mmCIF file of all heavy atoms, coordinates in Angstrom:
data_MODEL
# 
_entry.id   MODEL 
# 
loop_
_atom_site.group_PDB 
_atom_site.id 
_atom_site.type_symbol 
_atom_site.label_atom_id 
_atom_site.label_alt_id 
_atom_site.label_comp_id 
_atom_site.label_asym_id 
_atom_site.label_entity_id 
_atom_site.label_seq_id 
_atom_site.pdbx_PDB_ins_code 
_atom_site.Cartn_x 
_atom_site.Cartn_y 
_atom_site.Cartn_z 
_atom_site.occupancy 
_atom_site.B_iso_or_equiv 
_atom_site.pdbx_formal_charge 
_atom_site.auth_seq_id 
_atom_site.auth_comp_id 
_atom_site.auth_asym_id 
_atom_site.auth_atom_id 
_atom_site.pdbx_PDB_model_num 
ATOM 1   N N   . PRO A 1 1  ? 12.113 -56.017 -73.024  1.00 0.00 ? 1  PRO A N   1 
ATOM 2   C CA  . PRO A 1 1  ? 12.515 -54.657 -73.411  1.00 0.00 ? 1  PRO A CA  1 
ATOM 3   C C   . PRO A 1 1  ? 12.111 -53.581 -72.406  1.00 0.00 ? 1  PRO A C   1 
ATOM 4   O O   . PRO A 1 1  ? 12.762 -52.538 -72.326  1.00 0.00 ? 1  PRO A O   1 
ATOM 5   C CB  . PRO A 1 1  ? 11.801 -54.448 -74.750  1.00 0.00 ? 1  PRO A CB  1 
ATOM 6   C CG  . PRO A 1 1  ? 11.631 -55.828 -75.308  1.00 0.00 ? 1  PRO A CG  1 
ATOM 7   C CD  . PRO A 1 1  ? 11.364 -56.692 -74.111  1.00 0.00 ? 1  PRO A CD  1 
ATOM 8   N N   . ASP A 1 2  ? 11.041 -53.831 -71.629  1.00 0.00 ? 2  ASP A N   1 
ATOM 9   C CA  . ASP A 1 2  ? 10.596 -52.850 -70.635  1.00 0.00 ? 2  ASP A CA  1 
ATOM 10  C C   . ASP A 1 2  ? 11.416 -52.916 -69.355  1.00 0.00 ? 2  ASP A C   1 
ATOM 11  O O   . ASP A 1 2  ? 11.298 -52.024 -68.506  1.00 0.00 ? 2  ASP A O   1 
ATOM 12  C CB  . ASP A 1 2  ? 9.124  -53.071 -70.293  1.00 0.00 ? 2  ASP A CB  1 
ATOM 13  C CG  . ASP A 1 2  ? 8.218  -52.866 -71.484  1.00 0.00 ? 2  ASP A CG  1 
ATOM 14  O OD1 . ASP A 1 2  ? 8.576  -52.044 -72.350  1.00 0.00 ? 2  ASP A OD1 1 
ATOM 15  O OD2 . ASP A 1 2  ? 7.174  -53.547 -71.570  1.00 0.00 ? 2  ASP A OD2 1 
ATOM 16  N N   . MET A 1 3  ? 12.218 -53.956 -69.182  1.00 0.00 ? 3  MET A N   1 
ATOM 17  C CA  . MET A 1 3  ? 12.940 -54.150 -67.923  1.00 0.00 ? 3  MET A CA  1 
ATOM 18  C C   . MET A 1 3  ? 14.446 -53.959 -68.058  1.00 0.00 ? 3  MET A C   1 
ATOM 19  O O   . MET A 1 3  ? 15.170 -54.120 -67.081  1.00 0.00 ? 3  MET A O   1 
ATOM 20  C CB  . MET A 1 3  ? 12.640 -55.551 -67.364  1.00 0.00 ? 3  MET A CB  1 
ATOM 21  C CG  . MET A 1 3  ? 11.176 -55.786 -67.047  1.00 0.00 ? 3  MET A CG  1 
ATOM 22  S SD  . MET A 1 3  ? 10.856 -57.293 -66.104  1.00 0.00 ? 3  MET A SD  1 
ATOM 23  C CE  . MET A 1 3  ? 11.223 -58.557 -67.320  1.00 0.00 ? 3  MET A CE  1 
ATOM 24  N N   . VAL A 1 4  ? 14.922 -53.644 -69.248  1.00 0.00 ? 4  VAL A N   1 
ATOM 25  C CA  . VAL A 1 4  ? 16.360 -53.499 -69.459  1.00 0.00 ? 4  VAL A CA  1 
ATOM 26  C C   . VAL A 1 4  ? 16.667 -52.216 -70.218  1.00 0.00 ? 4  VAL A C   1 
ATOM 27  O O   . VAL A 1 4  ? 15.800 -51.632 -70.877  1.00 0.00 ? 4  VAL A O   1 
ATOM 28  C CB  . VAL A 1 4  ? 16.932 -54.709 -70.245  1.00 0.00 ? 4  VAL A CB  1 
ATOM 29  C CG1 . VAL A 1 4  ? 16.752 -56.001 -69.462  1.00 0.00 ? 4  VAL A CG1 1 
ATOM 30  C CG2 . VAL A 1 4  ? 16.285 -54.831 -71.627  1.00 0.00 ? 4  VAL A CG2 1 
ATOM 31  N N   . ASN A 1 5  ? 17.921 -51.796 -70.125  1.00 0.00 ? 5  ASN A N   1 
ATOM 32  C CA  . ASN A 1 5  ? 18.457 -50.697 -70.918  1.00 0.00 ? 5  ASN A CA  1 
ATOM 33  C C   . ASN A 1 5  ? 19.509 -51.243 -71.874  1.00 0.00 ? 5  ASN A C   1 
ATOM 34  O O   . ASN A 1 5  ? 20.252 -52.170 -71.521  1.00 0.00 ? 5  ASN A O   1 
ATOM 35  C CB  . ASN A 1 5  ? 19.110 -49.637 -70.022  1.00 0.00 ? 5  ASN A CB  1 
ATOM 36  C CG  . ASN A 1 5  ? 18.092 -48.779 -69.299  1.00 0.00 ? 5  ASN A CG  1 
ATOM 37  O OD1 . ASN A 1 5  ? 17.032 -48.477 -69.836  1.00 0.00 ? 5  ASN A OD1 1 
ATOM 38  N ND2 . ASN A 1 5  ? 18.412 -48.385 -68.075  1.00 0.00 ? 5  ASN A ND2 1 
ATOM 39  N N   . LEU A 1 6  ? 19.555 -50.672 -73.058  1.00 0.00 ? 6  LEU A N   1 
ATOM 40  C CA  . LEU A 1 6  ? 20.583 -51.063 -74.022  1.00 0.00 ? 6  LEU A CA  1 
ATOM 41  C C   . LEU A 1 6  ? 21.908 -50.418 -73.657  1.00 0.00 ? 6  LEU A C   1 
ATOM 42  O O   . LEU A 1 6  ? 21.988 -49.220 -73.416  1.00 0.00 ? 6  LEU A O   1 
ATOM 43  C CB  . LEU A 1 6  ? 20.179 -50.626 -75.428  1.00 0.00 ? 6  LEU A CB  1 
ATOM 44  C CG  . LEU A 1 6  ? 19.360 -51.609 -76.267  1.00 0.00 ? 6  LEU A CG  1 
ATOM 45  C CD1 . LEU A 1 6  ? 18.893 -50.936 -77.549  1.00 0.00 ? 6  LEU A CD1 1 
ATOM 46  C CD2 . LEU A 1 6  ? 20.162 -52.870 -76.585  1.00 0.00 ? 6  LEU A CD2 1 
ATOM 47  N N   . VAL A 1 7  ? 22.960 -51.238 -73.610  1.00 0.00 ? 7  VAL A N   1 
ATOM 48  C CA  . VAL A 1 7  ? 24.313 -50.738 -73.378  1.00 0.00 ? 7  VAL A CA  1 
ATOM 49  C C   . VAL A 1 7  ? 25.047 -50.582 -74.709  1.00 0.00 ? 7  VAL A C   1 
ATOM 50  O O   . VAL A 1 7  ? 25.731 -49.594 -74.944  1.00 0.00 ? 7  VAL A O   1 
ATOM 51  C CB  . VAL A 1 7  ? 25.089 -51.684 -72.443  1.00 0.00 ? 7  VAL A CB  1 
ATOM 52  C CG1 . VAL A 1 7  ? 26.507 -51.175 -72.227  1.00 0.00 ? 7  VAL A CG1 1 
ATOM 53  C CG2 . VAL A 1 7  ? 24.379 -51.836 -71.106  1.00 0.00 ? 7  VAL A CG2 1 
ATOM 54  N N   . GLN A 1 8  ? 24.888 -51.593 -75.561  1.00 0.00 ? 8  GLN A N   1 
ATOM 55  C CA  . GLN A 1 8  ? 25.482 -51.553 -76.901  1.00 0.00 ? 8  GLN A CA  1 
ATOM 56  C C   . GLN A 1 8  ? 24.504 -52.177 -77.888  1.00 0.00 ? 8  GLN A C   1 
ATOM 57  O O   . GLN A 1 8  ? 23.687 -53.020 -77.516  1.00 0.00 ? 8  GLN A O   1 
ATOM 58  C CB  . GLN A 1 8  ? 26.799 -52.343 -76.948  1.00 0.00 ? 8  GLN A CB  1 
ATOM 59  C CG  . GLN A 1 8  ? 27.903 -51.857 -76.037  1.00 0.00 ? 8  GLN A CG  1 
ATOM 60  C CD  . GLN A 1 8  ? 29.144 -52.714 -76.165  1.00 0.00 ? 8  GLN A CD  1 
ATOM 61  O OE1 . GLN A 1 8  ? 29.713 -52.860 -77.246  1.00 0.00 ? 8  GLN A OE1 1 
ATOM 62  N NE2 . GLN A 1 8  ? 29.560 -53.293 -75.045  1.00 0.00 ? 8  GLN A NE2 1 
ATOM 63  N N   . GLY A 1 9  ? 24.631 -51.816 -79.151  1.00 0.00 ? 9  GLY A N   1 
ATOM 64  C CA  . GLY A 1 9  ? 23.842 -52.442 -80.192  1.00 0.00 ? 9  GLY A CA  1 
ATOM 65  C C   . GLY A 1 9  ? 22.391 -52.039 -80.186  1.00 0.00 ? 9  GLY A C   1 
ATOM 66  O O   . GLY A 1 9  ? 22.024 -50.924 -79.787  1.00 0.00 ? 9  GLY A O   1 
ATOM 67  N N   . VAL A 1 10 ? 21.531 -52.977 -80.594  1.00 0.00 ? 10 VAL A N   1 
ATOM 68  C CA  . VAL A 1 10 ? 20.092 -52.737 -80.704  1.00 0.00 ? 10 VAL A CA  1 
ATOM 69  C C   . VAL A 1 10 ? 19.340 -53.873 -80.025  1.00 0.00 ? 10 VAL A C   1 
ATOM 70  O O   . VAL A 1 10 ? 19.907 -54.917 -79.699  1.00 0.00 ? 10 VAL A O   1 
ATOM 71  C CB  . VAL A 1 10 ? 19.655 -52.630 -82.189  1.00 0.00 ? 10 VAL A CB  1 
ATOM 72  C CG1 . VAL A 1 10 ? 20.314 -51.445 -82.860  1.00 0.00 ? 10 VAL A CG1 1 
ATOM 73  C CG2 . VAL A 1 10 ? 19.978 -53.922 -82.939  1.00 0.00 ? 10 VAL A CG2 1 
ATOM 74  N N   . MET A 1 11 ? 18.024 -53.652 -79.825  1.00 0.00 ? 11 MET A N   1 
ATOM 75  C CA  . MET A 1 11 ? 17.179 -54.709 -79.268  1.00 0.00 ? 11 MET A CA  1 
ATOM 76  C C   . MET A 1 11 ? 16.849 -55.708 -80.370  1.00 0.00 ? 11 MET A C   1 
ATOM 77  O O   . MET A 1 11 ? 16.865 -55.380 -81.551  1.00 0.00 ? 11 MET A O   1 
ATOM 78  C CB  . MET A 1 11 ? 15.903 -54.097 -78.689  1.00 0.00 ? 11 MET A CB  1 
ATOM 79  C CG  . MET A 1 11 ? 15.009 -55.087 -77.935  1.00 0.00 ? 11 MET A CG  1 
ATOM 80  S SD  . MET A 1 11 ? 15.848 -55.989 -76.606  1.00 0.00 ? 11 MET A SD  1 
ATOM 81  C CE  . MET A 1 11 ? 16.156 -54.649 -75.450  1.00 0.00 ? 11 MET A CE  1 
ATOM 82  N N   . TYR A 1 12 ? 16.593 -56.952 -79.970  1.00 0.00 ? 12 TYR A N   1 
ATOM 83  C CA  . TYR A 1 12 ? 16.303 -58.000 -80.949  1.00 0.00 ? 12 TYR A CA  1 
ATOM 84  C C   . TYR A 1 12 ? 15.034 -57.689 -81.747  1.00 0.00 ? 12 TYR A C   1 
ATOM 85  O O   . TYR A 1 12 ? 14.159 -56.945 -81.312  1.00 0.00 ? 12 TYR A O   1 
ATOM 86  C CB  . TYR A 1 12 ? 16.170 -59.364 -80.294  1.00 0.00 ? 12 TYR A CB  1 
ATOM 87  C CG  . TYR A 1 12 ? 15.303 -59.403 -79.047  1.00 0.00 ? 12 TYR A CG  1 
ATOM 88  C CD1 . TYR A 1 12 ? 14.012 -58.897 -79.029  1.00 0.00 ? 12 TYR A CD1 1 
ATOM 89  C CD2 . TYR A 1 12 ? 15.780 -59.979 -77.865  1.00 0.00 ? 12 TYR A CD2 1 
ATOM 90  C CE1 . TYR A 1 12 ? 13.226 -58.940 -77.899  1.00 0.00 ? 12 TYR A CE1 1 
ATOM 91  C CE2 . TYR A 1 12 ? 14.996 -60.025 -76.719  1.00 0.00 ? 12 TYR A CE2 1 
ATOM 92  C CZ  . TYR A 1 12 ? 13.737 -59.511 -76.750  1.00 0.00 ? 12 TYR A CZ  1 
ATOM 93  O OH  . TYR A 1 12 ? 12.958 -59.558 -75.627  1.00 0.00 ? 12 TYR A OH  1 
ATOM 94  N N   . SER A 1 13 ? 14.946 -58.292 -82.922  1.00 0.00 ? 13 SER A N   1 
ATOM 95  C CA  . SER A 1 13 ? 13.763 -58.193 -83.777  1.00 0.00 ? 13 SER A CA  1 
ATOM 96  C C   . SER A 1 13 ? 13.075 -59.546 -83.813  1.00 0.00 ? 13 SER A C   1 
ATOM 97  O O   . SER A 1 13 ? 13.728 -60.588 -83.671  1.00 0.00 ? 13 SER A O   1 
ATOM 98  C CB  . SER A 1 13 ? 14.148 -57.777 -85.201  1.00 0.00 ? 13 SER A CB  1 
ATOM 99  O OG  . SER A 1 13 ? 14.776 -56.514 -85.193  1.00 0.00 ? 13 SER A OG  1 
ATOM 100 N N   . PRO A 1 14 ? 11.760 -59.569 -84.030  1.00 0.00 ? 14 PRO A N   1 
ATOM 101 C CA  . PRO A 1 14 ? 11.063 -60.860 -84.104  1.00 0.00 ? 14 PRO A CA  1 
ATOM 102 C C   . PRO A 1 14 ? 11.430 -61.611 -85.381  1.00 0.00 ? 14 PRO A C   1 
ATOM 103 O O   . PRO A 1 14 ? 11.867 -61.027 -86.376  1.00 0.00 ? 14 PRO A O   1 
ATOM 104 C CB  . PRO A 1 14 ? 9.589  -60.463 -84.097  1.00 0.00 ? 14 PRO A CB  1 
ATOM 105 C CG  . PRO A 1 14 ? 9.561  -59.058 -84.592  1.00 0.00 ? 14 PRO A CG  1 
ATOM 106 C CD  . PRO A 1 14 ? 10.830 -58.427 -84.138  1.00 0.00 ? 14 PRO A CD  1 
ATOM 107 N N   . GLY A 1 15 ? 11.232 -62.936 -85.343  1.00 0.00 ? 15 GLY A N   1 
ATOM 108 C CA  . GLY A 1 15 ? 11.481 -63.761 -86.512  1.00 0.00 ? 15 GLY A CA  1 
ATOM 109 C C   . GLY A 1 15 ? 12.961 -63.976 -86.774  1.00 0.00 ? 15 GLY A C   1 
ATOM 110 O O   . GLY A 1 15 ? 13.806 -63.808 -85.892  1.00 0.00 ? 15 GLY A O   1 
ATOM 111 N N   . THR A 1 16 ? 13.288 -64.351 -87.997  1.00 0.00 ? 16 THR A N   1 
ATOM 112 C CA  . THR A 1 16 ? 14.670 -64.590 -88.398  1.00 0.00 ? 16 THR A CA  1 
ATOM 113 C C   . THR A 1 16 ? 15.068 -63.607 -89.493  1.00 0.00 ? 16 THR A C   1 
ATOM 114 O O   . THR A 1 16 ? 14.221 -63.001 -90.152  1.00 0.00 ? 16 THR A O   1 
ATOM 115 C CB  . THR A 1 16 ? 14.860 -66.027 -88.920  1.00 0.00 ? 16 THR A CB  1 
ATOM 116 O OG1 . THR A 1 16 ? 13.988 -66.232 -90.048  1.00 0.00 ? 16 THR A OG1 1 
ATOM 117 C CG2 . THR A 1 16 ? 14.531 -67.050 -87.839  1.00 0.00 ? 16 THR A CG2 1 
ATOM 118 N N   . THR A 1 17 ? 16.352 -63.477 -89.669  1.00 0.00 ? 17 THR A N   1 
ATOM 119 C CA  . THR A 1 17 ? 16.897 -62.610 -90.715  1.00 0.00 ? 17 THR A CA  1 
ATOM 120 C C   . THR A 1 17 ? 17.848 -63.430 -91.582  1.00 0.00 ? 17 THR A C   1 
ATOM 121 O O   . THR A 1 17 ? 18.687 -64.178 -91.047  1.00 0.00 ? 17 THR A O   1 
ATOM 122 C CB  . THR A 1 17 ? 17.664 -61.426 -90.101  1.00 0.00 ? 17 THR A CB  1 
ATOM 123 O OG1 . THR A 1 17 ? 16.808 -60.727 -89.205  1.00 0.00 ? 17 THR A OG1 1 
ATOM 124 C CG2 . THR A 1 17 ? 18.148 -60.476 -91.184  1.00 0.00 ? 17 THR A CG2 1 
ATOM 125 N N   . TYR A 1 18 ? 17.718 -63.306 -92.897  1.00 0.00 ? 18 TYR A N   1 
ATOM 126 C CA  . TYR A 1 18 ? 18.636 -64.012 -93.790  1.00 0.00 ? 18 TYR A CA  1 
ATOM 127 C C   . TYR A 1 18 ? 19.912 -63.184 -93.929  1.00 0.00 ? 18 TYR A C   1 
ATOM 128 O O   . TYR A 1 18 ? 19.863 -61.987 -94.235  1.00 0.00 ? 18 TYR A O   1 
ATOM 129 C CB  . TYR A 1 18 ? 18.011 -64.228 -95.171  1.00 0.00 ? 18 TYR A CB  1 
ATOM 130 C CG  . TYR A 1 18 ? 18.901 -65.002 -96.119  1.00 0.00 ? 18 TYR A CG  1 
ATOM 131 C CD1 . TYR A 1 18 ? 19.019 -66.384 -96.005  1.00 0.00 ? 18 TYR A CD1 1 
ATOM 132 C CD2 . TYR A 1 18 ? 19.622 -64.343 -97.106  1.00 0.00 ? 18 TYR A CD2 1 
ATOM 133 C CE1 . TYR A 1 18 ? 19.851 -67.097 -96.864  1.00 0.00 ? 18 TYR A CE1 1 
ATOM 134 C CE2 . TYR A 1 18 ? 20.450 -65.042 -97.967  1.00 0.00 ? 18 TYR A CE2 1 
ATOM 135 C CZ  . TYR A 1 18 ? 20.563 -66.427 -97.845  1.00 0.00 ? 18 TYR A CZ  1 
ATOM 136 O OH  . TYR A 1 18 ? 21.386 -67.118 -98.689  1.00 0.00 ? 18 TYR A OH  1 
ATOM 137 N N   . VAL A 1 19 ? 21.043 -63.825 -93.669  1.00 0.00 ? 19 VAL A N   1 
ATOM 138 C CA  . VAL A 1 19 ? 22.331 -63.128 -93.644  1.00 0.00 ? 19 VAL A CA  1 
ATOM 139 C C   . VAL A 1 19 ? 23.289 -63.771 -94.639  1.00 0.00 ? 19 VAL A C   1 
ATOM 140 O O   . VAL A 1 19 ? 23.407 -64.998 -94.705  1.00 0.00 ? 19 VAL A O   1 
ATOM 141 C CB  . VAL A 1 19 ? 22.947 -63.153 -92.226  1.00 0.00 ? 19 VAL A CB  1 
ATOM 142 C CG1 . VAL A 1 19 ? 24.331 -62.525 -92.230  1.00 0.00 ? 19 VAL A CG1 1 
ATOM 143 C CG2 . VAL A 1 19 ? 22.036 -62.439 -91.234  1.00 0.00 ? 19 VAL A CG2 1 
ATOM 144 N N   . GLU A 1 20 ? 23.950 -62.948 -95.418  1.00 0.00 ? 20 GLU A N   1 
ATOM 145 C CA  . GLU A 1 20 ? 25.048 -63.383 -96.274  1.00 0.00 ? 20 GLU A CA  1 
ATOM 146 C C   . GLU A 1 20 ? 26.259 -62.532 -95.922  1.00 0.00 ? 20 GLU A C   1 
ATOM 147 O O   . GLU A 1 20 ? 26.292 -61.345 -96.176  1.00 0.00 ? 20 GLU A O   1 
ATOM 148 C CB  . GLU A 1 20 ? 24.703 -63.198 -97.755  1.00 0.00 ? 20 GLU A CB  1 
ATOM 149 C CG  . GLU A 1 20 ? 23.667 -64.163 -98.281  1.00 0.00 ? 20 GLU A CG  1 
ATOM 150 C CD  . GLU A 1 20 ? 23.517 -64.058 -99.799  1.00 0.00 ? 20 GLU A CD  1 
ATOM 151 O OE1 . GLU A 1 20 ? 24.484 -63.591 -100.442 1.00 0.00 ? 20 GLU A OE1 1 
ATOM 152 O OE2 . GLU A 1 20 ? 22.445 -64.424 -100.304 1.00 0.00 ? 20 GLU A OE2 1 
ATOM 153 N N   . THR A 1 21 ? 27.248 -63.169 -95.286  1.00 0.00 ? 21 THR A N   1 
ATOM 154 C CA  . THR A 1 21 ? 28.448 -62.441 -94.900  1.00 0.00 ? 21 THR A CA  1 
ATOM 155 C C   . THR A 1 21 ? 29.631 -63.390 -94.944  1.00 0.00 ? 21 THR A C   1 
ATOM 156 O O   . THR A 1 21 ? 29.658 -64.396 -94.231  1.00 0.00 ? 21 THR A O   1 
ATOM 157 C CB  . THR A 1 21 ? 28.313 -61.826 -93.498  1.00 0.00 ? 21 THR A CB  1 
ATOM 158 O OG1 . THR A 1 21 ? 29.553 -61.270 -93.098  1.00 0.00 ? 21 THR A OG1 1 
ATOM 159 C CG2 . THR A 1 21 ? 27.842 -62.834 -92.473  1.00 0.00 ? 21 THR A CG2 1 
ATOM 160 N N   . GLY A 1 22 ? 30.601 -63.087 -95.760  1.00 0.00 ? 22 GLY A N   1 
ATOM 161 C CA  . GLY A 1 22 ? 31.767 -63.943 -95.877  1.00 0.00 ? 22 GLY A CA  1 
ATOM 162 C C   . GLY A 1 22 ? 31.390 -65.343 -96.314  1.00 0.00 ? 22 GLY A C   1 
ATOM 163 O O   . GLY A 1 22 ? 30.780 -65.552 -97.365  1.00 0.00 ? 22 GLY A O   1 
ATOM 164 N N   . ASP A 1 23 ? 31.731 -66.306 -95.456  1.00 0.00 ? 23 ASP A N   1 
ATOM 165 C CA  . ASP A 1 23 ? 31.438 -67.708 -95.780  1.00 0.00 ? 23 ASP A CA  1 
ATOM 166 C C   . ASP A 1 23 ? 30.113 -68.176 -95.203  1.00 0.00 ? 23 ASP A C   1 
ATOM 167 O O   . ASP A 1 23 ? 29.817 -69.377 -95.229  1.00 0.00 ? 23 ASP A O   1 
ATOM 168 C CB  . ASP A 1 23 ? 32.567 -68.608 -95.274  1.00 0.00 ? 23 ASP A CB  1 
ATOM 169 C CG  . ASP A 1 23 ? 32.763 -68.478 -93.773  1.00 0.00 ? 23 ASP A CG  1 
ATOM 170 O OD1 . ASP A 1 23 ? 32.200 -67.529 -93.193  1.00 0.00 ? 23 ASP A OD1 1 
ATOM 171 O OD2 . ASP A 1 23 ? 33.469 -69.309 -93.181  1.00 0.00 ? 23 ASP A OD2 1 
ATOM 172 N N   . PHE A 1 24 ? 29.314 -67.260 -94.653  1.00 0.00 ? 24 PHE A N   1 
ATOM 173 C CA  . PHE A 1 24 ? 28.052 -67.687 -94.033  1.00 0.00 ? 24 PHE A CA  1 
ATOM 174 C C   . PHE A 1 24 ? 26.865 -67.222 -94.860  1.00 0.00 ? 24 PHE A C   1 
ATOM 175 O O   . PHE A 1 24 ? 26.787 -66.066 -95.281  1.00 0.00 ? 24 PHE A O   1 
ATOM 176 C CB  . PHE A 1 24 ? 27.933 -67.117 -92.617  1.00 0.00 ? 24 PHE A CB  1 
ATOM 177 C CG  . PHE A 1 24 ? 26.641 -67.496 -91.944  1.00 0.00 ? 24 PHE A CG  1 
ATOM 178 C CD1 . PHE A 1 24 ? 26.506 -68.718 -91.307  1.00 0.00 ? 24 PHE A CD1 1 
ATOM 179 C CD2 . PHE A 1 24 ? 25.545 -66.639 -91.976  1.00 0.00 ? 24 PHE A CD2 1 
ATOM 180 C CE1 . PHE A 1 24 ? 25.316 -69.075 -90.701  1.00 0.00 ? 24 PHE A CE1 1 
ATOM 181 C CE2 . PHE A 1 24 ? 24.356 -66.984 -91.373  1.00 0.00 ? 24 PHE A CE2 1 
ATOM 182 C CZ  . PHE A 1 24 ? 24.244 -68.213 -90.736  1.00 0.00 ? 24 PHE A CZ  1 
ATOM 183 N N   . LYS A 1 25 ? 25.918 -68.128 -95.050  1.00 0.00 ? 25 LYS A N   1 
ATOM 184 C CA  . LYS A 1 25 ? 24.636 -67.829 -95.676  1.00 0.00 ? 25 LYS A CA  1 
ATOM 185 C C   . LYS A 1 25 ? 23.558 -68.606 -94.935  1.00 0.00 ? 25 LYS A C   1 
ATOM 186 O O   . LYS A 1 25 ? 23.665 -69.829 -94.794  1.00 0.00 ? 25 LYS A O   1 
ATOM 187 C CB  . LYS A 1 25 ? 24.630 -68.234 -97.151  1.00 0.00 ? 25 LYS A CB  1 
ATOM 188 C CG  . LYS A 1 25 ? 25.568 -67.442 -98.043  1.00 0.00 ? 25 LYS A CG  1 
ATOM 189 C CD  . LYS A 1 25 ? 25.474 -67.908 -99.479  1.00 0.00 ? 25 LYS A CD  1 
ATOM 190 C CE  . LYS A 1 25 ? 26.439 -67.130 -100.374 1.00 0.00 ? 25 LYS A CE  1 
ATOM 191 N NZ  . LYS A 1 25 ? 26.347 -67.589 -101.796 1.00 0.00 ? 25 LYS A NZ  1 
ATOM 192 N N   . GLY A 1 26 ? 22.551 -67.917 -94.481  1.00 0.00 ? 26 GLY A N   1 
ATOM 193 C CA  . GLY A 1 26 ? 21.474 -68.615 -93.807  1.00 0.00 ? 26 GLY A CA  1 
ATOM 194 C C   . GLY A 1 26 ? 20.653 -67.703 -92.911  1.00 0.00 ? 26 GLY A C   1 
ATOM 195 O O   . GLY A 1 26 ? 20.914 -66.501 -92.804  1.00 0.00 ? 26 GLY A O   1 
ATOM 196 N N   . ASP A 1 27 ? 19.649 -68.282 -92.256  1.00 0.00 ? 27 ASP A N   1 
ATOM 197 C CA  . ASP A 1 27 ? 18.767 -67.548 -91.353  1.00 0.00 ? 27 ASP A CA  1 
ATOM 198 C C   . ASP A 1 27 ? 19.370 -67.504 -89.952  1.00 0.00 ? 27 ASP A C   1 
ATOM 199 O O   . ASP A 1 27 ? 19.898 -68.512 -89.462  1.00 0.00 ? 27 ASP A O   1 
ATOM 200 C CB  . ASP A 1 27 ? 17.391 -68.208 -91.287  1.00 0.00 ? 27 ASP A CB  1 
ATOM 201 C CG  . ASP A 1 27 ? 16.628 -68.093 -92.601  1.00 0.00 ? 27 ASP A CG  1 
ATOM 202 O OD1 . ASP A 1 27 ? 16.799 -67.055 -93.268  1.00 0.00 ? 27 ASP A OD1 1 
ATOM 203 O OD2 . ASP A 1 27 ? 15.890 -69.032 -92.942  1.00 0.00 ? 27 ASP A OD2 1 
ATOM 204 N N   . VAL A 1 28 ? 19.261 -66.373 -89.310  1.00 0.00 ? 28 VAL A N   1 
ATOM 205 C CA  . VAL A 1 28 ? 19.755 -66.229 -87.933  1.00 0.00 ? 28 VAL A CA  1 
ATOM 206 C C   . VAL A 1 28 ? 18.670 -65.590 -87.076  1.00 0.00 ? 28 VAL A C   1 
ATOM 207 O O   . VAL A 1 28 ? 17.828 -64.838 -87.560  1.00 0.00 ? 28 VAL A O   1 
ATOM 208 C CB  . VAL A 1 28 ? 21.041 -65.373 -87.874  1.00 0.00 ? 28 VAL A CB  1 
ATOM 209 C CG1 . VAL A 1 28 ? 22.174 -66.033 -88.640  1.00 0.00 ? 28 VAL A CG1 1 
ATOM 210 C CG2 . VAL A 1 28 ? 20.785 -63.963 -88.374  1.00 0.00 ? 28 VAL A CG2 1 
# 
């Protein structure tokens, strides 16, 4: 994060995130 600039979106977060979207359910 100290060596790059964001062009689009956000910087990553630690760990995993549980996602439910459409036909997908699980950790990403």
